[in-house]
PDB file of all heavy atoms in Angstrom:
ATOM      1  N   GLU A   1      11.959   1.240   5.299  1.00  0.00           N
ATOM      2  CA  GLU A   1      11.021   0.165   5.615  1.00  0.00           C
ATOM      3  C   GLU A   1       9.574   0.613   5.474  1.00  0.00           C
ATOM      4  O   GLU A   1       8.728  -0.125   4.948  1.00  0.00           O
ATOM      5  CB  GLU A   1      11.273  -0.353   7.032  1.00  0.00           C
ATOM      6  CG  GLU A   1      10.364  -1.514   7.426  1.00  0.00           C
ATOM      7  CD  GLU A   1      10.676  -2.086   8.794  1.00  0.00           C
ATOM      8  OE1 GLU A   1      11.791  -1.850   9.307  1.00  0.00           O
ATOM      9  OE2 GLU A   1       9.792  -2.786   9.343  1.00  0.00           O
ATOM     10  N   VAL A   2       9.273   1.825   5.918  1.00  0.00           N
ATOM     11  CA  VAL A   2       7.896   2.342   5.812  1.00  0.00           C
ATOM     12  C   VAL A   2       7.436   2.342   4.366  1.00  0.00           C
ATOM     13  O   VAL A   2       6.331   1.877   4.035  1.00  0.00           O
ATOM     14  CB  VAL A   2       7.807   3.766   6.414  1.00  0.00           C
ATOM     15  CG1 VAL A   2       6.468   4.411   6.060  1.00  0.00           C
ATOM     16  CG2 VAL A   2       7.979   3.722   7.922  1.00  0.00           C
ATOM     17  N   PHE A   3       8.258   2.874   3.473  1.00  0.00           N
ATOM     18  CA  PHE A   3       7.857   2.953   2.059  1.00  0.00           C
ATOM     19  C   PHE A   3       7.770   1.567   1.438  1.00  0.00           C
ATOM     20  O   PHE A   3       6.806   1.247   0.724  1.00  0.00           O
ATOM     21  CB  PHE A   3       8.838   3.843   1.281  1.00  0.00           C
ATOM     22  CG  PHE A   3       8.573   5.302   1.464  1.00  0.00           C
ATOM     23  CD1 PHE A   3       9.318   6.051   2.349  1.00  0.00           C
ATOM     24  CD2 PHE A   3       7.556   5.928   0.752  1.00  0.00           C
ATOM     25  CE1 PHE A   3       9.075   7.403   2.521  1.00  0.00           C
ATOM     26  CE2 PHE A   3       7.296   7.275   0.919  1.00  0.00           C
ATOM     27  CZ  PHE A   3       8.052   8.021   1.809  1.00  0.00           C
ATOM     28  N   ALA A   4       8.780   0.729   1.665  1.00  0.00           N
ATOM     29  CA  ALA A   4       8.784  -0.600   1.047  1.00  0.00           C
ATOM     30  C   ALA A   4       7.631  -1.452   1.553  1.00  0.00           C
ATOM     31  O   ALA A   4       7.072  -2.274   0.801  1.00  0.00           O
ATOM     32  CB  ALA A   4      10.121  -1.291   1.302  1.00  0.00           C
ATOM     33  N   ARG A   5       7.249  -1.290   2.827  1.00  0.00           N
ATOM     34  CA  ARG A   5       6.094  -2.023   3.366  1.00  0.00           C
ATOM     35  C   ARG A   5       4.814  -1.680   2.614  1.00  0.00           C
ATOM     36  O   ARG A   5       3.887  -2.491   2.558  1.00  0.00           O
ATOM     37  CB  ARG A   5       5.879  -1.679   4.843  1.00  0.00           C
ATOM     38  CG  ARG A   5       6.639  -2.521   5.838  1.00  0.00           C
ATOM     39  CD  ARG A   5       6.236  -2.124   7.241  1.00  0.00           C
ATOM     40  NE  ARG A   5       6.994  -2.836   8.255  1.00  0.00           N
ATOM     41  CZ  ARG A   5       6.452  -3.572   9.208  1.00  0.00           C
ATOM     42  NH1 ARG A   5       5.143  -3.713   9.268  1.00  0.00           N
ATOM     43  NH2 ARG A   5       7.210  -4.180  10.104  1.00  0.00           N
ATOM     44  N   ASN A   6       4.767  -0.464   2.086  1.00  0.00           N
ATOM     45  CA  ASN A   6       3.548   0.013   1.436  1.00  0.00           C
ATOM     46  C   ASN A   6       3.628  -0.006  -0.080  1.00  0.00           C
ATOM     47  O   ASN A   6       2.921   0.735  -0.766  1.00  0.00           O
ATOM     48  CB  ASN A   6       3.237   1.428   1.945  1.00  0.00           C
ATOM     49  CG  ASN A   6       2.733   1.423   3.370  1.00  0.00           C
ATOM     50  OD1 ASN A   6       1.554   1.217   3.633  1.00  0.00           O
ATOM     51  ND2 ASN A   6       3.642   1.650   4.329  1.00  0.00           N
ATOM     52  N   GLY A   7       4.493  -0.877  -0.600  1.00  0.00           N
ATOM     53  CA  GLY A   7       4.519  -1.136  -2.029  1.00  0.00           C
ATOM     54  C   GLY A   7       5.286  -0.143  -2.868  1.00  0.00           C
ATOM     55  O   GLY A   7       5.192  -0.165  -4.099  1.00  0.00           O
ATOM     56  N   VAL A   8       6.060   0.737  -2.260  1.00  0.00           N
ATOM     57  CA  VAL A   8       6.802   1.752  -3.003  1.00  0.00           C
ATOM     58  C   VAL A   8       8.227   1.260  -3.261  1.00  0.00           C
ATOM     59  O   VAL A   8       8.889   0.737  -2.363  1.00  0.00           O
ATOM     60  CB  VAL A   8       6.840   3.084  -2.217  1.00  0.00           C
ATOM     61  CG1 VAL A   8       7.609   4.147  -3.003  1.00  0.00           C
ATOM     62  CG2 VAL A   8       5.424   3.563  -1.910  1.00  0.00           C
ATOM     63  N   GLU A   9       8.701   1.438  -4.492  1.00  0.00           N
ATOM     64  CA  GLU A   9      10.077   1.095  -4.828  1.00  0.00           C
ATOM     65  C   GLU A   9      11.017   2.131  -4.209  1.00  0.00           C
ATOM     66  O   GLU A   9      10.784   3.341  -4.327  1.00  0.00           O
ATOM     67  CB  GLU A   9      10.266   1.076  -6.348  1.00  0.00           C
ATOM     68  CG  GLU A   9       9.400   0.050  -7.065  1.00  0.00           C
ATOM     69  CD  GLU A   9       9.802  -1.370  -6.729  1.00  0.00           C
ATOM     70  OE1 GLU A   9      11.023  -1.626  -6.585  1.00  0.00           O
ATOM     71  OE2 GLU A   9       8.907  -2.225  -6.605  1.00  0.00           O
ATOM     72  N   VAL A  10      12.068   1.660  -3.542  1.00  0.00           N
ATOM     73  CA  VAL A  10      12.947   2.553  -2.792  1.00  0.00           C
ATOM     74  C   VAL A  10      14.398   2.376  -3.254  1.00  0.00           C
ATOM     75  O   VAL A  10      14.880   1.247  -3.405  1.00  0.00           O
ATOM     76  CB  VAL A  10      12.873   2.274  -1.272  1.00  0.00           C
ATOM     77  CG1 VAL A  10      13.743   3.278  -0.502  1.00  0.00           C
ATOM     78  CG2 VAL A  10      11.430   2.334  -0.770  1.00  0.00           C
ATOM     79  N   VAL A  11      15.082   3.511  -3.458  1.00  0.00           N
ATOM     80  CA  VAL A  11      16.516   3.521  -3.684  1.00  0.00           C
ATOM     81  C   VAL A  11      17.144   4.055  -2.400  1.00  0.00           C
ATOM     82  O   VAL A  11      16.927   5.217  -2.024  1.00  0.00           O
ATOM     83  CB  VAL A  11      16.912   4.399  -4.876  1.00  0.00           C
ATOM     84  CG1 VAL A  11      18.435   4.366  -5.080  1.00  0.00           C
ATOM     85  CG2 VAL A  11      16.184   3.944  -6.132  1.00  0.00           C
ATOM     86  N   ALA A  12      17.910   3.207  -1.708  1.00  0.00           N
ATOM     87  CA  ALA A  12      18.482   3.543  -0.411  1.00  0.00           C
ATOM     88  C   ALA A  12      19.960   3.864  -0.592  1.00  0.00           C
ATOM     89  O   ALA A  12      20.739   3.000  -1.008  1.00  0.00           O
ATOM     90  CB  ALA A  12      18.300   2.382   0.561  1.00  0.00           C
ATOM     91  N   VAL A  13      20.349   5.099  -0.260  1.00  0.00           N
ATOM     92  CA  VAL A  13      21.668   5.603  -0.617  1.00  0.00           C
ATOM     93  C   VAL A  13      22.491   5.946   0.619  1.00  0.00           C
ATOM     94  O   VAL A  13      21.974   6.529   1.582  1.00  0.00           O
ATOM     95  CB  VAL A  13      21.522   6.851  -1.512  1.00  0.00           C
ATOM     96  CG1 VAL A  13      22.852   7.551  -1.703  1.00  0.00           C
ATOM     97  CG2 VAL A  13      20.931   6.462  -2.851  1.00  0.00           C
ATOM     98  N   GLU A  14      23.765   5.598   0.571  1.00  0.00           N
ATOM     99  CA  GLU A  14      24.717   5.981   1.605  1.00  0.00           C
ATOM    100  C   GLU A  14      26.018   6.441   0.942  1.00  0.00           C
ATOM    101  O   GLU A  14      26.150   6.411  -0.290  1.00  0.00           O
ATOM    102  CB  GLU A  14      24.981   4.811   2.568  1.00  0.00           C
ATOM    103  CG  GLU A  14      24.192   4.906   3.878  1.00  0.00           C
ATOM    104  CD  GLU A  14      24.660   6.044   4.785  1.00  0.00           C
ATOM    105  OE1 GLU A  14      25.604   6.784   4.386  1.00  0.00           O
ATOM    106  OE2 GLU A  14      24.106   6.198   5.868  1.00  0.00           O
ATOM    107  N   ILE A  15      26.998   6.835   1.787  1.00  0.00           N
ATOM    108  CA  ILE A  15      28.226   7.436   1.264  1.00  0.00           C
ATOM    109  C   ILE A  15      29.335   6.414   1.031  1.00  0.00           C
ATOM    110  O   ILE A  15      30.347   6.749   0.415  1.00  0.00           O
ATOM    111  CB  ILE A  15      28.736   8.535   2.219  1.00  0.00           C
ATOM    112  CG1 ILE A  15      29.027   7.956   3.610  1.00  0.00           C
ATOM    113  CG2 ILE A  15      27.758   9.686   2.297  1.00  0.00           C
ATOM    114  CD1 ILE A  15      29.691   8.950   4.550  1.00  0.00           C
ATOM    115  N   SER A  16      29.159   5.180   1.536  1.00  0.00           N
ATOM    116  CA  SER A  16      30.217   4.178   1.380  1.00  0.00           C
ATOM    117  C   SER A  16      29.614   2.788   1.415  1.00  0.00           C
ATOM    118  O   SER A  16      28.481   2.589   1.879  1.00  0.00           O
ATOM    119  CB  SER A  16      31.260   4.304   2.496  1.00  0.00           C
ATOM    120  OG  SER A  16      30.684   3.946   3.746  1.00  0.00           O
ATOM    121  N   ASP A  17      30.392   1.810   0.954  1.00  0.00           N
ATOM    122  CA  ASP A  17      29.934   0.420   0.993  1.00  0.00           C
ATOM    123  C   ASP A  17      29.679  -0.026   2.432  1.00  0.00           C
ATOM    124  O   ASP A  17      28.720  -0.753   2.713  1.00  0.00           O
ATOM    125  CB  ASP A  17      30.969  -0.496   0.338  1.00  0.00           C
ATOM    126  CG  ASP A  17      31.020  -0.320  -1.177  1.00  0.00           C
ATOM    127  OD1 ASP A  17      29.972   0.017  -1.758  1.00  0.00           O
ATOM    128  OD2 ASP A  17      32.096  -0.504  -1.755  1.00  0.00           O
ATOM    129  N   GLU A  18      30.542   0.390   3.349  1.00  0.00           N
ATOM    130  CA  GLU A  18      30.381  -0.006   4.748  1.00  0.00           C
ATOM    131  C   GLU A  18      29.091   0.586   5.332  1.00  0.00           C
ATOM    132  O   GLU A  18      28.370  -0.085   6.066  1.00  0.00           O
ATOM    133  CB  GLU A  18      31.589   0.437   5.567  1.00  0.00           C
ATOM    134  CG  GLU A  18      31.483   0.188   7.066  1.00  0.00           C
ATOM    135  CD  GLU A  18      31.254  -1.276   7.426  1.00  0.00           C
ATOM    136  OE1 GLU A  18      31.609  -2.163   6.618  1.00  0.00           O
ATOM    137  OE2 GLU A  18      30.723  -1.530   8.524  1.00  0.00           O
ATOM    138  N   ALA A  19      28.802   1.850   4.998  1.00  0.00           N
ATOM    139  CA  ALA A  19      27.571   2.470   5.487  1.00  0.00           C
ATOM    140  C   ALA A  19      26.344   1.777   4.892  1.00  0.00           C
ATOM    141  O   ALA A  19      25.326   1.597   5.580  1.00  0.00           O
ATOM    142  CB  ALA A  19      27.564   3.957   5.156  1.00  0.00           C
ATOM    143  N   VAL A  20      26.445   1.369   3.634  1.00  0.00           N
ATOM    144  CA  VAL A  20      25.337   0.612   3.019  1.00  0.00           C
ATOM    145  C   VAL A  20      25.152  -0.714   3.737  1.00  0.00           C
ATOM    146  O   VAL A  20      24.022  -1.140   4.011  1.00  0.00           O
ATOM    147  CB  VAL A  20      25.614   0.395   1.518  1.00  0.00           C
ATOM    148  CG1 VAL A  20      24.676  -0.677   0.949  1.00  0.00           C
ATOM    149  CG2 VAL A  20      25.440   1.697   0.753  1.00  0.00           C
ATOM    150  N   ARG A  21      26.269  -1.380   4.049  1.00  0.00           N
ATOM    151  CA  ARG A  21      26.176  -2.667   4.760  1.00  0.00           C
ATOM    152  C   ARG A  21      25.455  -2.499   6.095  1.00  0.00           C
ATOM    153  O   ARG A  21      24.592  -3.297   6.447  1.00  0.00           O
ATOM    154  CB  ARG A  21      27.577  -3.244   4.980  1.00  0.00           C
ATOM    155  CG  ARG A  21      27.569  -4.643   5.599  1.00  0.00           C
ATOM    156  CD  ARG A  21      28.939  -5.028   6.135  1.00  0.00           C
ATOM    157  NE  ARG A  21      29.337  -4.184   7.253  1.00  0.00           N
ATOM    158  CZ  ARG A  21      28.843  -4.296   8.482  1.00  0.00           C
ATOM    159  NH1 ARG A  21      27.934  -5.222   8.774  1.00  0.00           N
ATOM    160  NH2 ARG A  21      29.255  -3.478   9.440  1.00  0.00           N
ATOM    161  N   ARG A  22      25.820  -1.452   6.837  1.00  0.00           N
ATOM    162  CA  ARG A  22      25.167  -1.222   8.130  1.00  0.00           C
ATOM    163  C   ARG A  22      23.680  -0.912   7.947  1.00  0.00           C
ATOM    164  O   ARG A  22      22.845  -1.391   8.698  1.00  0.00           O
ATOM    165  CB  ARG A  22      25.859  -0.071   8.867  1.00  0.00           C
ATOM    166  CG  ARG A  22      27.250  -0.404   9.384  1.00  0.00           C
ATOM    167  CD  ARG A  22      27.715   0.633  10.401  1.00  0.00           C
ATOM    168  NE  ARG A  22      27.724   1.986   9.846  1.00  0.00           N
ATOM    169  CZ  ARG A  22      28.791   2.551   9.276  1.00  0.00           C
ATOM    170  NH1 ARG A  22      29.932   1.876   9.171  1.00  0.00           N
ATOM    171  NH2 ARG A  22      28.726   3.791   8.804  1.00  0.00           N
ATOM    172  N   GLY A  23      23.357  -0.113   6.943  1.00  0.00           N
ATOM    173  CA  GLY A  23      21.955   0.215   6.697  1.00  0.00           C
ATOM    174  C   GLY A  23      21.142  -1.003   6.299  1.00  0.00           C
ATOM    175  O   GLY A  23      20.012  -1.196   6.754  1.00  0.00           O
ATOM    176  N   ARG A  24      21.725  -1.855   5.454  1.00  0.00           N
ATOM    177  CA  ARG A  24      21.037  -3.083   5.060  1.00  0.00           C
ATOM    178  C   ARG A  24      20.811  -3.984   6.275  1.00  0.00           C
ATOM    179  O   ARG A  24      19.743  -4.574   6.440  1.00  0.00           O
ATOM    180  CB  ARG A  24      21.867  -3.826   4.008  1.00  0.00           C
ATOM    181  CG  ARG A  24      21.132  -5.020   3.392  1.00  0.00           C
ATOM    182  CD  ARG A  24      22.107  -5.906   2.623  1.00  0.00           C
ATOM    183  NE  ARG A  24      22.776  -5.193   1.550  1.00  0.00           N
ATOM    184  CZ  ARG A  24      22.318  -5.128   0.294  1.00  0.00           C
ATOM    185  NH1 ARG A  24      21.180  -5.727  -0.017  1.00  0.00           N
ATOM    186  NH2 ARG A  24      23.002  -4.474  -0.629  1.00  0.00           N
ATOM    187  N   ALA A  25      21.830  -4.067   7.147  1.00  0.00           N
ATOM    188  CA  ALA A  25      21.699  -4.900   8.347  1.00  0.00           C
ATOM    189  C   ALA A  25      20.604  -4.369   9.270  1.00  0.00           C
ATOM    190  O   ALA A  25      19.847  -5.147   9.870  1.00  0.00           O
ATOM    191  CB  ALA A  25      23.034  -4.964   9.084  1.00  0.00           C
ATOM    192  N   THR A  26      20.509  -3.047   9.380  1.00  0.00           N
ATOM    193  CA  THR A  26      19.455  -2.457  10.211  1.00  0.00           C
ATOM    194  C   THR A  26      18.075  -2.802   9.663  1.00  0.00           C
ATOM    195  O   THR A  26      17.163  -3.179  10.410  1.00  0.00           O
ATOM    196  CB  THR A  26      19.622  -0.930  10.276  1.00  0.00           C
ATOM    197  OG1 THR A  26      20.898  -0.618  10.844  1.00  0.00           O
ATOM    198  CG2 THR A  26      18.533  -0.295  11.128  1.00  0.00           C
ATOM    199  N   LEU A  27      17.921  -2.696   8.352  1.00  0.00           N
ATOM    200  CA  LEU A  27      16.629  -2.998   7.730  1.00  0.00           C
ATOM    201  C   LEU A  27      16.281  -4.476   7.870  1.00  0.00           C
ATOM    202  O   LEU A  27      15.152  -4.821   8.262  1.00  0.00           O
ATOM    203  CB  LEU A  27      16.665  -2.602   6.250  1.00  0.00           C
ATOM    204  CG  LEU A  27      15.409  -2.930   5.445  1.00  0.00           C
ATOM    205  CD1 LEU A  27      14.200  -2.191   5.998  1.00  0.00           C
ATOM    206  CD2 LEU A  27      15.614  -2.592   3.970  1.00  0.00           C
ATOM    207  N   THR A  28      17.211  -5.367   7.563  1.00  0.00           N
ATOM    208  CA  THR A  28      16.901  -6.793   7.654  1.00  0.00           C
ATOM    209  C   THR A  28      16.657  -7.212   9.103  1.00  0.00           C
ATOM    210  O   THR A  28      15.786  -8.047   9.373  1.00  0.00           O
ATOM    211  CB  THR A  28      18.038  -7.644   7.051  1.00  0.00           C
ATOM    212  OG1 THR A  28      19.281  -7.307   7.681  1.00  0.00           O
ATOM    213  CG2 THR A  28      18.150  -7.386   5.557  1.00  0.00           C
ATOM    214  N   GLY A  29      17.401  -6.611  10.025  1.00  0.00           N
ATOM    215  CA  GLY A  29      17.164  -6.928  11.434  1.00  0.00           C
ATOM    216  C   GLY A  29      15.771  -6.533  11.871  1.00  0.00           C
ATOM    217  O   GLY A  29      15.081  -7.276  12.586  1.00  0.00           O
ATOM    218  N   SER A  30      15.315  -5.346  11.434  1.00  0.00           N
ATOM    219  CA  SER A  30      13.978  -4.871  11.806  1.00  0.00           C
ATOM    220  C   SER A  30      12.895  -5.749  11.205  1.00  0.00           C
ATOM    221  O   SER A  30      11.930  -6.127  11.883  1.00  0.00           O
ATOM    222  CB  SER A  30      13.803  -3.426  11.342  1.00  0.00           C
ATOM    223  OG  SER A  30      12.490  -2.979  11.585  1.00  0.00           O
ATOM    224  N   THR A  31      13.044  -6.101   9.941  1.00  0.00           N
ATOM    225  CA  THR A  31      12.012  -6.921   9.305  1.00  0.00           C
ATOM    226  C   THR A  31      12.017  -8.350   9.841  1.00  0.00           C
ATOM    227  O   THR A  31      10.958  -8.971   9.969  1.00  0.00           O
ATOM    228  CB  THR A  31      12.195  -6.920   7.772  1.00  0.00           C
ATOM    229  OG1 THR A  31      13.536  -7.312   7.449  1.00  0.00           O
ATOM    230  CG2 THR A  31      11.925  -5.538   7.200  1.00  0.00           C
ATOM    231  N   ASP A  32      13.193  -8.872  10.180  1.00  0.00           N
ATOM    232  CA  ASP A  32      13.245 -10.211  10.786  1.00  0.00           C
ATOM    233  C   ASP A  32      12.537 -10.221  12.144  1.00  0.00           C
ATOM    234  O   ASP A  32      11.829 -11.176  12.480  1.00  0.00           O
ATOM    235  CB  ASP A  32      14.696 -10.667  10.952  1.00  0.00           C
ATOM    236  CG  ASP A  32      15.347 -11.072   9.630  1.00  0.00           C
ATOM    237  OD1 ASP A  32      14.614 -11.220   8.640  1.00  0.00           O
ATOM    238  OD2 ASP A  32      16.588 -11.215   9.603  1.00  0.00           O
ATOM    239  N   ARG A  33      12.739  -9.150  12.922  1.00  0.00           N
ATOM    240  CA  ARG A  33      12.039  -9.064  14.214  1.00  0.00           C
ATOM    241  C   ARG A  33      10.533  -8.984  14.013  1.00  0.00           C
ATOM    242  O   ARG A  33       9.757  -9.562  14.786  1.00  0.00           O
ATOM    243  CB  ARG A  33      12.538  -7.851  15.011  1.00  0.00           C
ATOM    244  CG  ARG A  33      13.929  -8.029  15.598  1.00  0.00           C
ATOM    245  CD  ARG A  33      14.253  -6.920  16.602  1.00  0.00           C
ATOM    246  NE  ARG A  33      14.270  -5.602  15.988  1.00  0.00           N
ATOM    247  CZ  ARG A  33      15.322  -5.066  15.385  1.00  0.00           C
ATOM    248  NH1 ARG A  33      16.466  -5.756  15.316  1.00  0.00           N
ATOM    249  NH2 ARG A  33      15.278  -3.850  14.865  1.00  0.00           N
ATOM    250  N   ALA A  34      10.120  -8.278  12.974  1.00  0.00           N
ATOM    251  CA  ALA A  34       8.686  -8.183  12.688  1.00  0.00           C
ATOM    252  C   ALA A  34       8.105  -9.549  12.341  1.00  0.00           C
ATOM    253  O   ALA A  34       6.971  -9.877  12.726  1.00  0.00           O
ATOM    254  CB  ALA A  34       8.438  -7.193  11.544  1.00  0.00           C
ATOM    255  N   VAL A  35       8.867 -10.371  11.634  1.00  0.00           N
ATOM    256  CA  VAL A  35       8.415 -11.736  11.326  1.00  0.00           C
ATOM    257  C   VAL A  35       8.317 -12.557  12.606  1.00  0.00           C
ATOM    258  O   VAL A  35       7.330 -13.268  12.842  1.00  0.00           O
ATOM    259  CB  VAL A  35       9.370 -12.401  10.312  1.00  0.00           C
ATOM    260  CG1 VAL A  35       9.049 -13.894  10.186  1.00  0.00           C
ATOM    261  CG2 VAL A  35       9.281 -11.716   8.949  1.00  0.00           C
ATOM    262  N   THR A  36       9.331 -12.456  13.451  1.00  0.00           N
ATOM    263  CA  THR A  36       9.344 -13.211  14.710  1.00  0.00           C
ATOM    264  C   THR A  36       8.142 -12.859  15.579  1.00  0.00           C
ATOM    265  O   THR A  36       7.551 -13.726  16.235  1.00  0.00           O
ATOM    266  CB  THR A  36      10.645 -12.918  15.484  1.00  0.00           C
ATOM    267  OG1 THR A  36      11.762 -13.316  14.671  1.00  0.00           O
ATOM    268  CG2 THR A  36      10.679 -13.682  16.801  1.00  0.00           C
ATOM    269  N   LYS A  37       7.758 -11.579  15.565  1.00  0.00           N
ATOM    270  CA  LYS A  37       6.628 -11.123  16.385  1.00  0.00           C
ATOM    271  C   LYS A  37       5.276 -11.293  15.700  1.00  0.00           C
ATOM    272  O   LYS A  37       4.240 -10.911  16.257  1.00  0.00           O
ATOM    273  CB  LYS A  37       6.823  -9.652  16.761  1.00  0.00           C
ATOM    274  CG  LYS A  37       8.030  -9.417  17.661  1.00  0.00           C
ATOM    275  CD  LYS A  37       8.243  -7.934  17.932  1.00  0.00           C
ATOM    276  CE  LYS A  37       9.450  -7.714  18.824  1.00  0.00           C
ATOM    277  NZ  LYS A  37       9.705  -6.268  19.072  1.00  0.00           N
ATOM    278  N   GLY A  38       5.288 -11.848  14.499  1.00  0.00           N
ATOM    279  CA  GLY A  38       4.035 -12.090  13.797  1.00  0.00           C
ATOM    280  C   GLY A  38       3.447 -10.873  13.110  1.00  0.00           C
ATOM    281  O   GLY A  38       2.295 -10.885  12.676  1.00  0.00           O
ATOM    282  N   ARG A  39       4.239  -9.808  12.951  1.00  0.00           N
ATOM    283  CA  ARG A  39       3.743  -8.595  12.310  1.00  0.00           C
ATOM    284  C   ARG A  39       3.944  -8.606  10.805  1.00  0.00           C
ATOM    285  O   ARG A  39       3.371  -7.792  10.090  1.00  0.00           O
ATOM    286  CB  ARG A  39       4.436  -7.371  12.921  1.00  0.00           C
ATOM    287  CG  ARG A  39       4.111  -7.159  14.396  1.00  0.00           C
ATOM    288  CD  ARG A  39       4.950  -6.044  14.991  1.00  0.00           C
ATOM    289  NE  ARG A  39       4.687  -5.891  16.413  1.00  0.00           N
ATOM    290  CZ  ARG A  39       5.460  -5.204  17.255  1.00  0.00           C
ATOM    291  NH1 ARG A  39       6.561  -4.614  16.795  1.00  0.00           N
ATOM    292  NH2 ARG A  39       5.154  -5.118  18.530  1.00  0.00           N
ATOM    293  N   LEU A  40       4.807  -9.500  10.339  1.00  0.00           N
ATOM    294  CA  LEU A  40       5.029  -9.703   8.906  1.00  0.00           C
ATOM    295  C   LEU A  40       5.129 -11.197   8.653  1.00  0.00           C
ATOM    296  O   LEU A  40       5.669 -11.936   9.478  1.00  0.00           O
ATOM    297  CB  LEU A  40       6.350  -9.053   8.465  1.00  0.00           C
ATOM    298  CG  LEU A  40       6.403  -7.589   8.035  1.00  0.00           C
ATOM    299  CD1 LEU A  40       7.836  -7.251   7.646  1.00  0.00           C
ATOM    300  CD2 LEU A  40       5.463  -7.298   6.879  1.00  0.00           C
ATOM    301  N   THR A  41       4.636 -11.629   7.510  1.00  0.00           N
ATOM    302  CA  THR A  41       4.874 -13.006   7.109  1.00  0.00           C
ATOM    303  C   THR A  41       6.230 -13.071   6.429  1.00  0.00           C
ATOM    304  O   THR A  41       6.732 -12.060   5.908  1.00  0.00           O
ATOM    305  CB  THR A  41       3.795 -13.497   6.138  1.00  0.00           C
ATOM    306  OG1 THR A  41       3.924 -12.759   4.906  1.00  0.00           O
ATOM    307  CG2 THR A  41       2.405 -13.307   6.718  1.00  0.00           C
ATOM    308  N   PRO A  42       6.862 -14.226   6.407  1.00  0.00           N
ATOM    309  CA  PRO A  42       8.140 -14.332   5.687  1.00  0.00           C
ATOM    310  C   PRO A  42       8.031 -13.891   4.228  1.00  0.00           C
ATOM    311  O   PRO A  42       8.946 -13.250   3.703  1.00  0.00           O
ATOM    312  CB  PRO A  42       8.485 -15.823   5.808  1.00  0.00           C
ATOM    313  CG  PRO A  42       7.820 -16.247   7.093  1.00  0.00           C
ATOM    314  CD  PRO A  42       6.539 -15.473   7.137  1.00  0.00           C
ATOM    315  N   ALA A  43       6.908 -14.222   3.593  1.00  0.00           N
ATOM    316  CA  ALA A  43       6.745 -13.834   2.192  1.00  0.00           C
ATOM    317  C   ALA A  43       6.655 -12.318   2.046  1.00  0.00           C
ATOM    318  O   ALA A  43       7.242 -11.729   1.121  1.00  0.00           O
ATOM    319  CB  ALA A  43       5.486 -14.490   1.618  1.00  0.00           C
ATOM    320  N   ASP A  44       5.924 -11.655   2.960  1.00  0.00           N
ATOM    321  CA  ASP A  44       5.817 -10.193   2.913  1.00  0.00           C
ATOM    322  C   ASP A  44       7.173  -9.530   3.175  1.00  0.00           C
ATOM    323  O   ASP A  44       7.513  -8.518   2.565  1.00  0.00           O
ATOM    324  CB  ASP A  44       4.797  -9.698   3.932  1.00  0.00           C
ATOM    325  CG  ASP A  44       3.369  -9.991   3.506  1.00  0.00           C
ATOM    326  OD1 ASP A  44       3.153 -10.222   2.306  1.00  0.00           O
ATOM    327  OD2 ASP A  44       2.472  -9.983   4.384  1.00  0.00           O
ATOM    328  N   ARG A  45       7.944 -10.121   4.093  1.00  0.00           N
ATOM    329  CA  ARG A  45       9.284  -9.587   4.341  1.00  0.00           C
ATOM    330  C   ARG A  45      10.141  -9.664   3.092  1.00  0.00           C
ATOM    331  O   ARG A  45      10.826  -8.691   2.723  1.00  0.00           O
ATOM    332  CB  ARG A  45       9.954 -10.366   5.471  1.00  0.00           C
ATOM    333  CG  ARG A  45      11.415  -9.968   5.700  1.00  0.00           C
ATOM    334  CD  ARG A  45      12.166 -11.032   6.469  1.00  0.00           C
ATOM    335  NE  ARG A  45      12.081 -12.328   5.817  1.00  0.00           N
ATOM    336  CZ  ARG A  45      12.328 -13.492   6.401  1.00  0.00           C
ATOM    337  NH1 ARG A  45      12.679 -13.520   7.676  1.00  0.00           N
ATOM    338  NH2 ARG A  45      12.232 -14.617   5.732  1.00  0.00           N
TER     339      ARG A  45
END
């Protein structure tokens, strides 16, 4: 999230599809909370 927030292209790697799913959920959950709190606009997210 830190890198992507600052315009850097990121390749996010895990060992399995399930681990990728959990990692994606963690990232989307964090960015959704940031939108709810007004720290990110929906477009920026």
